[in-house]
């Protein structure tokens, strides 16, 4: 359940941001603030629960030597590091950059500045890689290779 709670919403983020950018770019700073808060108050605690549950289940079933257990616990640690060192700071900087771009916006089609575009590009690449890790890990947990 913690995996679904932590990462289910992440797969919808690209759609949410694409719709916001085209519909009302003034919502972008708020969406980045929400993104940051969800990482802080939902994803991070869920990762702690996932790590604790993984340790308990591996210990209870004596599965420490199995690949899927080592992979899963390793990915949880990597994801925690990525969330804390890249995704959260990136969301915070993206909010500030979007606010700055919107402050200079005078109507017409909104074009975010180069800083915002670079931040979003990095967030998209890292977020996609993290999502792929989640999907591969789920596949390993289900198939137990």
N, C-alpha and C. Protein backbone atom coordinates (compact mmCIF):
# COMPACT_ATOMS: atom_id res chain seq x y z
N UNK A 1 0.81 -1.20 0.00
CA UNK A 1 0.00 0.00 0.00
C UNK A 1 0.86 1.26 0.00
N UNK A 2 1.97 1.23 0.73
CA UNK A 2 2.83 2.41 0.79
C UNK A 2 3.41 2.74 -0.58
N UNK A 3 3.70 1.72 -1.39
CA UNK A 3 4.22 1.96 -2.74
C UNK A 3 3.17 2.67 -3.58
N UNK A 4 1.94 2.21 -3.51
CA UNK A 4 0.87 2.84 -4.29
C UNK A 4 0.65 4.28 -3.81
N UNK A 5 0.64 4.48 -2.51
CA UNK A 5 0.43 5.82 -1.96
C UNK A 5 1.58 6.74 -2.35
N UNK A 6 2.80 6.25 -2.26
CA UNK A 6 3.97 7.09 -2.53
C UNK A 6 4.12 7.42 -4.00
N UNK A 7 3.89 6.46 -4.87
CA UNK A 7 4.28 6.65 -6.26
C UNK A 7 3.13 6.70 -7.25
N UNK A 8 1.93 6.38 -6.83
CA UNK A 8 0.81 6.42 -7.77
C UNK A 8 0.60 7.79 -8.37
N UNK A 9 0.66 8.82 -7.55
CA UNK A 9 0.42 10.18 -8.02
C UNK A 9 1.53 10.66 -8.95
N UNK A 10 2.74 10.13 -8.80
CA UNK A 10 3.88 10.58 -9.59
C UNK A 10 3.65 10.33 -11.08
N UNK A 11 2.95 9.26 -11.39
CA UNK A 11 2.72 8.92 -12.80
C UNK A 11 1.74 9.89 -13.46
N UNK A 12 0.97 10.61 -12.69
CA UNK A 12 0.03 11.59 -13.25
C UNK A 12 0.64 12.98 -13.38
N UNK A 13 1.76 13.23 -12.73
CA UNK A 13 2.35 14.57 -12.74
C UNK A 13 2.62 15.14 -14.13
N UNK A 14 3.20 14.39 -15.05
CA UNK A 14 3.44 14.99 -16.38
C UNK A 14 2.16 15.50 -17.04
N UNK A 15 1.07 14.79 -16.87
CA UNK A 15 -0.20 15.21 -17.46
C UNK A 15 -0.70 16.47 -16.76
N UNK A 16 -0.62 16.50 -15.45
CA UNK A 16 -1.07 17.66 -14.67
C UNK A 16 -0.31 18.92 -15.09
N UNK A 17 1.02 18.81 -15.19
CA UNK A 17 1.82 19.97 -15.55
C UNK A 17 1.59 20.40 -17.00
N UNK A 18 1.40 19.45 -17.89
CA UNK A 18 1.14 19.80 -19.30
C UNK A 18 -0.18 20.55 -19.43
N UNK A 19 -1.20 20.08 -18.74
CA UNK A 19 -2.51 20.76 -18.79
C UNK A 19 -2.41 22.14 -18.16
N UNK A 20 -1.72 22.25 -17.03
CA UNK A 20 -1.59 23.55 -16.35
C UNK A 20 -0.84 24.55 -17.21
N UNK A 21 0.24 24.11 -17.85
CA UNK A 21 1.04 25.02 -18.65
C UNK A 21 0.24 25.59 -19.82
N UNK A 22 -0.64 24.77 -20.38
CA UNK A 22 -1.43 25.24 -21.52
C UNK A 22 -2.69 25.98 -21.08
N UNK A 23 -3.30 25.57 -19.99
CA UNK A 23 -4.56 26.16 -19.54
C UNK A 23 -4.35 27.48 -18.81
N UNK A 24 -3.52 27.42 -17.78
CA UNK A 24 -3.30 28.60 -16.96
C UNK A 24 -1.91 28.52 -16.34
N UNK A 25 -0.91 29.10 -17.01
CA UNK A 25 0.45 29.00 -16.50
C UNK A 25 0.63 29.61 -15.12
N UNK A 26 -0.32 30.44 -14.67
CA UNK A 26 -0.21 31.01 -13.32
C UNK A 26 -0.30 29.93 -12.25
N UNK A 27 -0.78 28.74 -12.63
CA UNK A 27 -0.89 27.65 -11.65
C UNK A 27 0.42 26.89 -11.46
N UNK A 28 1.40 27.11 -12.32
CA UNK A 28 2.65 26.35 -12.23
C UNK A 28 3.37 26.51 -10.89
N UNK A 29 3.53 27.73 -10.35
CA UNK A 29 4.19 27.81 -9.04
C UNK A 29 3.46 27.02 -7.95
N UNK A 30 2.14 27.10 -7.95
CA UNK A 30 1.37 26.34 -6.97
C UNK A 30 1.56 24.84 -7.15
N UNK A 31 1.56 24.38 -8.38
CA UNK A 31 1.76 22.96 -8.63
C UNK A 31 3.13 22.49 -8.16
N UNK A 32 4.14 23.32 -8.35
CA UNK A 32 5.47 22.95 -7.85
C UNK A 32 5.51 22.95 -6.32
N UNK A 33 4.78 23.87 -5.70
CA UNK A 33 4.69 23.87 -4.23
C UNK A 33 4.01 22.58 -3.76
N UNK A 34 2.92 22.19 -4.43
CA UNK A 34 2.23 20.94 -4.09
C UNK A 34 3.16 19.76 -4.29
N UNK A 35 3.89 19.76 -5.40
CA UNK A 35 4.85 18.69 -5.68
C UNK A 35 5.85 18.55 -4.54
N UNK A 36 6.41 19.67 -4.09
CA UNK A 36 7.37 19.66 -2.99
C UNK A 36 6.74 19.11 -1.72
N UNK A 37 5.54 19.57 -1.39
CA UNK A 37 4.88 19.12 -0.16
C UNK A 37 4.53 17.63 -0.21
N UNK A 38 4.15 17.15 -1.38
CA UNK A 38 3.84 15.72 -1.50
C UNK A 38 5.11 14.90 -1.33
N UNK A 39 6.22 15.35 -1.91
CA UNK A 39 7.48 14.65 -1.67
C UNK A 39 7.82 14.63 -0.18
N UNK A 40 7.64 15.78 0.46
CA UNK A 40 8.03 15.91 1.86
C UNK A 40 7.11 15.13 2.80
N UNK A 41 5.80 15.23 2.61
CA UNK A 41 4.85 14.70 3.57
C UNK A 41 4.20 13.38 3.17
N UNK A 42 4.43 12.93 1.93
CA UNK A 42 3.82 11.67 1.50
C UNK A 42 4.89 10.68 1.05
N UNK A 43 5.72 11.08 0.09
CA UNK A 43 6.70 10.14 -0.47
C UNK A 43 7.76 9.76 0.56
N UNK A 44 8.36 10.75 1.23
CA UNK A 44 9.40 10.41 2.21
C UNK A 44 8.90 9.50 3.33
N UNK A 45 7.77 9.82 3.97
CA UNK A 45 7.28 8.89 5.00
C UNK A 45 6.94 7.50 4.43
N UNK A 46 6.38 7.46 3.22
CA UNK A 46 6.06 6.17 2.62
C UNK A 46 7.33 5.37 2.36
N UNK A 47 8.41 6.03 1.96
CA UNK A 47 9.68 5.32 1.75
C UNK A 47 10.18 4.71 3.05
N UNK A 48 9.99 5.42 4.15
CA UNK A 48 10.39 4.87 5.45
C UNK A 48 9.56 3.63 5.78
N UNK A 49 8.26 3.69 5.52
CA UNK A 49 7.38 2.53 5.75
C UNK A 49 7.79 1.38 4.85
N UNK A 50 8.07 1.66 3.58
CA UNK A 50 8.47 0.62 2.63
C UNK A 50 9.78 -0.03 3.08
N UNK A 51 10.74 0.78 3.50
CA UNK A 51 12.01 0.24 3.98
C UNK A 51 11.80 -0.62 5.22
N UNK A 52 11.04 -0.12 6.18
CA UNK A 52 10.77 -0.90 7.39
C UNK A 52 10.04 -2.19 7.10
N UNK A 53 9.03 -2.14 6.24
CA UNK A 53 8.28 -3.35 5.89
C UNK A 53 9.19 -4.34 5.15
N UNK A 54 10.05 -3.82 4.27
CA UNK A 54 10.96 -4.70 3.55
C UNK A 54 11.93 -5.40 4.49
N UNK A 55 12.48 -4.66 5.42
CA UNK A 55 13.39 -5.25 6.39
C UNK A 55 12.67 -6.29 7.23
N UNK A 56 11.47 -5.96 7.69
CA UNK A 56 10.70 -6.92 8.50
C UNK A 56 10.40 -8.19 7.70
N UNK A 57 9.89 -8.04 6.49
CA UNK A 57 9.51 -9.21 5.68
C UNK A 57 10.73 -10.05 5.30
N UNK A 58 11.84 -9.40 4.97
CA UNK A 58 13.05 -10.16 4.62
C UNK A 58 13.58 -10.91 5.83
N UNK A 59 13.51 -10.29 7.00
CA UNK A 59 13.98 -10.94 8.23
C UNK A 59 13.05 -12.06 8.64
N UNK A 60 11.75 -11.81 8.59
CA UNK A 60 10.76 -12.79 9.01
C UNK A 60 10.81 -14.04 8.14
N UNK A 61 11.01 -13.86 6.84
CA UNK A 61 11.03 -15.01 5.92
C UNK A 61 12.42 -15.50 5.58
N UNK A 62 13.45 -14.92 6.21
CA UNK A 62 14.85 -15.30 5.94
C UNK A 62 15.16 -15.23 4.44
N UNK A 63 14.86 -14.08 3.85
CA UNK A 63 15.04 -13.90 2.41
C UNK A 63 16.20 -12.95 2.06
N UNK A 64 17.07 -12.66 2.99
CA UNK A 64 18.10 -11.65 2.76
C UNK A 64 19.01 -11.99 1.59
N UNK A 65 19.20 -13.25 1.30
CA UNK A 65 20.12 -13.63 0.22
C UNK A 65 19.47 -13.57 -1.16
N UNK A 66 18.18 -13.32 -1.22
CA UNK A 66 17.49 -13.32 -2.51
C UNK A 66 17.63 -11.97 -3.21
N UNK A 67 17.83 -12.04 -4.54
CA UNK A 67 18.07 -10.85 -5.34
C UNK A 67 16.96 -9.82 -5.22
N UNK A 68 15.72 -10.25 -5.29
CA UNK A 68 14.61 -9.28 -5.30
C UNK A 68 14.56 -8.48 -4.01
N UNK A 69 14.98 -9.06 -2.91
CA UNK A 69 15.01 -8.34 -1.63
C UNK A 69 16.13 -7.30 -1.64
N UNK A 70 17.30 -7.70 -2.05
CA UNK A 70 18.42 -6.77 -2.10
C UNK A 70 18.15 -5.64 -3.09
N UNK A 71 17.60 -5.99 -4.25
CA UNK A 71 17.25 -4.97 -5.24
C UNK A 71 16.24 -3.99 -4.66
N UNK A 72 15.16 -4.51 -4.09
CA UNK A 72 14.09 -3.66 -3.57
C UNK A 72 14.56 -2.71 -2.49
N UNK A 73 15.32 -3.22 -1.55
CA UNK A 73 15.81 -2.36 -0.47
C UNK A 73 16.82 -1.34 -1.01
N UNK A 74 17.65 -1.76 -1.95
CA UNK A 74 18.59 -0.82 -2.57
C UNK A 74 17.87 0.30 -3.31
N UNK A 75 16.82 -0.04 -4.04
CA UNK A 75 16.07 0.97 -4.78
C UNK A 75 15.38 1.94 -3.84
N UNK A 76 14.86 1.45 -2.73
CA UNK A 76 14.23 2.36 -1.76
C UNK A 76 15.24 3.38 -1.25
N UNK A 77 16.45 2.93 -0.98
CA UNK A 77 17.48 3.85 -0.50
C UNK A 77 17.88 4.84 -1.60
N UNK A 78 18.04 4.35 -2.82
CA UNK A 78 18.38 5.23 -3.94
C UNK A 78 17.27 6.25 -4.17
N UNK A 79 16.03 5.80 -4.17
CA UNK A 79 14.91 6.72 -4.39
C UNK A 79 14.84 7.78 -3.29
N UNK A 80 15.08 7.38 -2.07
CA UNK A 80 15.11 8.36 -0.98
C UNK A 80 16.17 9.42 -1.22
N UNK A 81 17.34 8.99 -1.67
CA UNK A 81 18.40 9.94 -1.97
C UNK A 81 18.05 10.85 -3.14
N UNK A 82 17.45 10.29 -4.18
CA UNK A 82 17.07 11.07 -5.35
C UNK A 82 15.97 12.08 -5.00
N UNK A 83 15.00 11.64 -4.23
CA UNK A 83 13.93 12.55 -3.83
C UNK A 83 14.49 13.71 -3.02
N UNK A 84 15.35 13.40 -2.05
CA UNK A 84 15.89 14.44 -1.18
C UNK A 84 16.93 15.33 -1.83
N UNK A 85 17.71 14.80 -2.76
CA UNK A 85 18.80 15.59 -3.31
C UNK A 85 18.51 16.21 -4.67
N UNK A 86 17.53 15.68 -5.41
CA UNK A 86 17.25 16.21 -6.75
C UNK A 86 15.80 16.69 -6.88
N UNK A 87 14.84 15.83 -6.58
CA UNK A 87 13.45 16.16 -6.87
C UNK A 87 12.89 17.26 -5.97
N UNK A 88 13.15 17.18 -4.67
CA UNK A 88 12.64 18.23 -3.79
C UNK A 88 13.29 19.59 -4.06
N UNK A 89 14.63 19.66 -4.13
CA UNK A 89 15.23 20.96 -4.45
C UNK A 89 14.82 21.46 -5.85
N UNK A 90 14.66 20.53 -6.80
CA UNK A 90 14.24 20.92 -8.14
C UNK A 90 12.84 21.50 -8.16
N UNK A 91 11.95 20.91 -7.39
CA UNK A 91 10.58 21.44 -7.31
C UNK A 91 10.59 22.84 -6.69
N UNK A 92 11.42 23.02 -5.67
CA UNK A 92 11.51 24.33 -5.01
C UNK A 92 12.06 25.39 -5.96
N UNK A 93 13.13 25.04 -6.67
CA UNK A 93 13.72 25.99 -7.62
C UNK A 93 12.78 26.25 -8.80
N UNK A 94 12.04 25.23 -9.22
CA UNK A 94 11.09 25.40 -10.33
C UNK A 94 9.97 26.35 -9.93
N UNK A 95 9.52 26.25 -8.70
CA UNK A 95 8.49 27.18 -8.23
C UNK A 95 9.00 28.62 -8.31
N UNK A 96 10.22 28.85 -7.82
CA UNK A 96 10.78 30.20 -7.85
C UNK A 96 10.98 30.70 -9.28
N UNK A 97 11.46 29.83 -10.15
CA UNK A 97 11.70 30.23 -11.54
C UNK A 97 10.37 30.54 -12.25
N UNK A 98 9.35 29.72 -11.97
CA UNK A 98 8.04 29.97 -12.59
C UNK A 98 7.47 31.30 -12.10
N UNK A 99 7.62 31.58 -10.82
CA UNK A 99 7.14 32.87 -10.28
C UNK A 99 7.87 34.04 -10.95
N UNK A 100 9.17 33.91 -11.12
CA UNK A 100 9.94 34.98 -11.75
C UNK A 100 9.52 35.17 -13.21
N UNK A 101 9.31 34.07 -13.92
CA UNK A 101 8.88 34.17 -15.32
C UNK A 101 7.50 34.78 -15.43
N UNK A 102 6.61 34.40 -14.53
CA UNK A 102 5.25 34.94 -14.57
C UNK A 102 5.22 36.42 -14.20
N UNK A 103 6.15 36.85 -13.35
CA UNK A 103 6.21 38.26 -12.98
C UNK A 103 6.57 39.13 -14.18
N UNK A 104 7.28 38.57 -15.14
CA UNK A 104 7.67 39.30 -16.35
C UNK A 104 6.69 39.09 -17.51
N UNK A 105 5.70 38.25 -17.29
CA UNK A 105 4.74 37.89 -18.34
C UNK A 105 3.76 39.04 -18.55
N UNK A 106 3.56 39.44 -19.80
CA UNK A 106 2.68 40.57 -20.06
C UNK A 106 1.50 40.21 -20.96
N UNK A 107 1.16 38.96 -21.06
CA UNK A 107 0.02 38.55 -21.88
C UNK A 107 0.49 37.78 -23.10
N UNK A 108 -0.46 37.27 -23.85
CA UNK A 108 -0.14 36.43 -25.00
C UNK A 108 0.18 35.01 -24.57
N UNK A 109 0.97 34.32 -25.35
CA UNK A 109 1.37 32.96 -25.00
C UNK A 109 2.51 33.00 -23.99
N UNK A 110 2.32 32.29 -22.90
CA UNK A 110 3.36 32.23 -21.87
C UNK A 110 4.52 31.37 -22.36
N UNK A 111 5.71 31.90 -22.27
CA UNK A 111 6.92 31.17 -22.61
C UNK A 111 7.84 31.18 -21.39
N UNK A 112 7.99 30.04 -20.74
CA UNK A 112 8.88 30.02 -19.57
C UNK A 112 10.32 30.32 -19.99
N UNK A 113 11.08 30.85 -19.06
CA UNK A 113 12.46 31.21 -19.33
C UNK A 113 13.38 30.00 -19.39
N UNK A 114 14.62 30.23 -19.78
CA UNK A 114 15.58 29.13 -19.92
C UNK A 114 15.88 28.41 -18.61
N UNK A 115 15.90 29.15 -17.50
CA UNK A 115 16.17 28.50 -16.21
C UNK A 115 15.04 27.52 -15.88
N UNK A 116 13.81 27.96 -16.05
CA UNK A 116 12.66 27.09 -15.76
C UNK A 116 12.68 25.86 -16.67
N UNK A 117 12.93 26.08 -17.95
CA UNK A 117 12.94 24.96 -18.90
C UNK A 117 14.04 23.96 -18.56
N UNK A 118 15.21 24.45 -18.13
CA UNK A 118 16.30 23.55 -17.74
C UNK A 118 15.93 22.76 -16.49
N UNK A 119 15.33 23.43 -15.52
CA UNK A 119 14.91 22.74 -14.29
C UNK A 119 13.87 21.66 -14.59
N UNK A 120 12.89 22.01 -15.43
CA UNK A 120 11.84 21.06 -15.76
C UNK A 120 12.40 19.87 -16.53
N UNK A 121 13.33 20.15 -17.42
CA UNK A 121 13.96 19.07 -18.18
C UNK A 121 14.65 18.09 -17.24
N UNK A 122 15.39 18.63 -16.27
CA UNK A 122 16.08 17.77 -15.30
C UNK A 122 15.08 16.99 -14.46
N UNK A 123 14.04 17.68 -13.99
CA UNK A 123 13.02 16.99 -13.19
C UNK A 123 12.35 15.88 -14.00
N UNK A 124 12.09 16.14 -15.27
CA UNK A 124 11.45 15.12 -16.12
C UNK A 124 12.34 13.91 -16.30
N UNK A 125 13.63 14.13 -16.56
CA UNK A 125 14.55 13.01 -16.77
C UNK A 125 14.71 12.20 -15.49
N UNK A 126 14.97 12.89 -14.39
CA UNK A 126 15.18 12.19 -13.12
C UNK A 126 13.89 11.54 -12.64
N UNK A 127 12.77 12.24 -12.78
CA UNK A 127 11.49 11.66 -12.38
C UNK A 127 11.12 10.45 -13.22
N UNK A 128 11.40 10.49 -14.51
CA UNK A 128 11.13 9.35 -15.37
C UNK A 128 12.00 8.16 -14.99
N UNK A 129 13.27 8.42 -14.71
CA UNK A 129 14.17 7.35 -14.28
C UNK A 129 13.70 6.74 -12.96
N UNK A 130 13.28 7.59 -12.04
CA UNK A 130 12.78 7.09 -10.75
C UNK A 130 11.51 6.26 -10.95
N UNK A 131 10.63 6.72 -11.81
CA UNK A 131 9.40 5.97 -12.10
C UNK A 131 9.73 4.62 -12.73
N UNK A 132 10.71 4.60 -13.63
CA UNK A 132 11.12 3.34 -14.24
C UNK A 132 11.68 2.39 -13.18
N UNK A 133 12.47 2.92 -12.26
CA UNK A 133 12.98 2.09 -11.15
C UNK A 133 11.84 1.49 -10.34
N UNK A 134 10.82 2.28 -10.07
CA UNK A 134 9.66 1.79 -9.32
C UNK A 134 9.00 0.65 -10.08
N UNK A 135 8.77 0.83 -11.38
CA UNK A 135 8.11 -0.21 -12.18
C UNK A 135 8.94 -1.48 -12.26
N UNK A 136 10.25 -1.34 -12.47
CA UNK A 136 11.12 -2.52 -12.53
C UNK A 136 11.12 -3.23 -11.18
N UNK A 137 11.15 -2.45 -10.11
CA UNK A 137 11.15 -3.06 -8.76
C UNK A 137 9.85 -3.80 -8.50
N UNK A 138 8.74 -3.24 -8.89
CA UNK A 138 7.46 -3.93 -8.73
C UNK A 138 7.48 -5.25 -9.51
N UNK A 139 8.01 -5.20 -10.73
CA UNK A 139 8.11 -6.43 -11.54
C UNK A 139 8.98 -7.47 -10.84
N UNK A 140 10.11 -7.04 -10.26
CA UNK A 140 10.97 -7.98 -9.53
C UNK A 140 10.26 -8.53 -8.29
N UNK A 141 9.52 -7.70 -7.60
CA UNK A 141 8.82 -8.16 -6.40
C UNK A 141 7.73 -9.17 -6.74
N UNK A 142 7.10 -8.99 -7.89
CA UNK A 142 6.03 -9.90 -8.29
C UNK A 142 6.60 -11.23 -8.81
N UNK A 143 7.67 -11.15 -9.64
CA UNK A 143 8.20 -12.37 -10.25
C UNK A 143 9.24 -13.07 -9.38
N UNK A 144 9.86 -12.33 -8.47
CA UNK A 144 10.89 -12.87 -7.56
C UNK A 144 11.94 -13.68 -8.32
N UNK A 145 12.69 -13.03 -9.25
CA UNK A 145 13.68 -13.77 -10.03
C UNK A 145 14.83 -14.30 -9.18
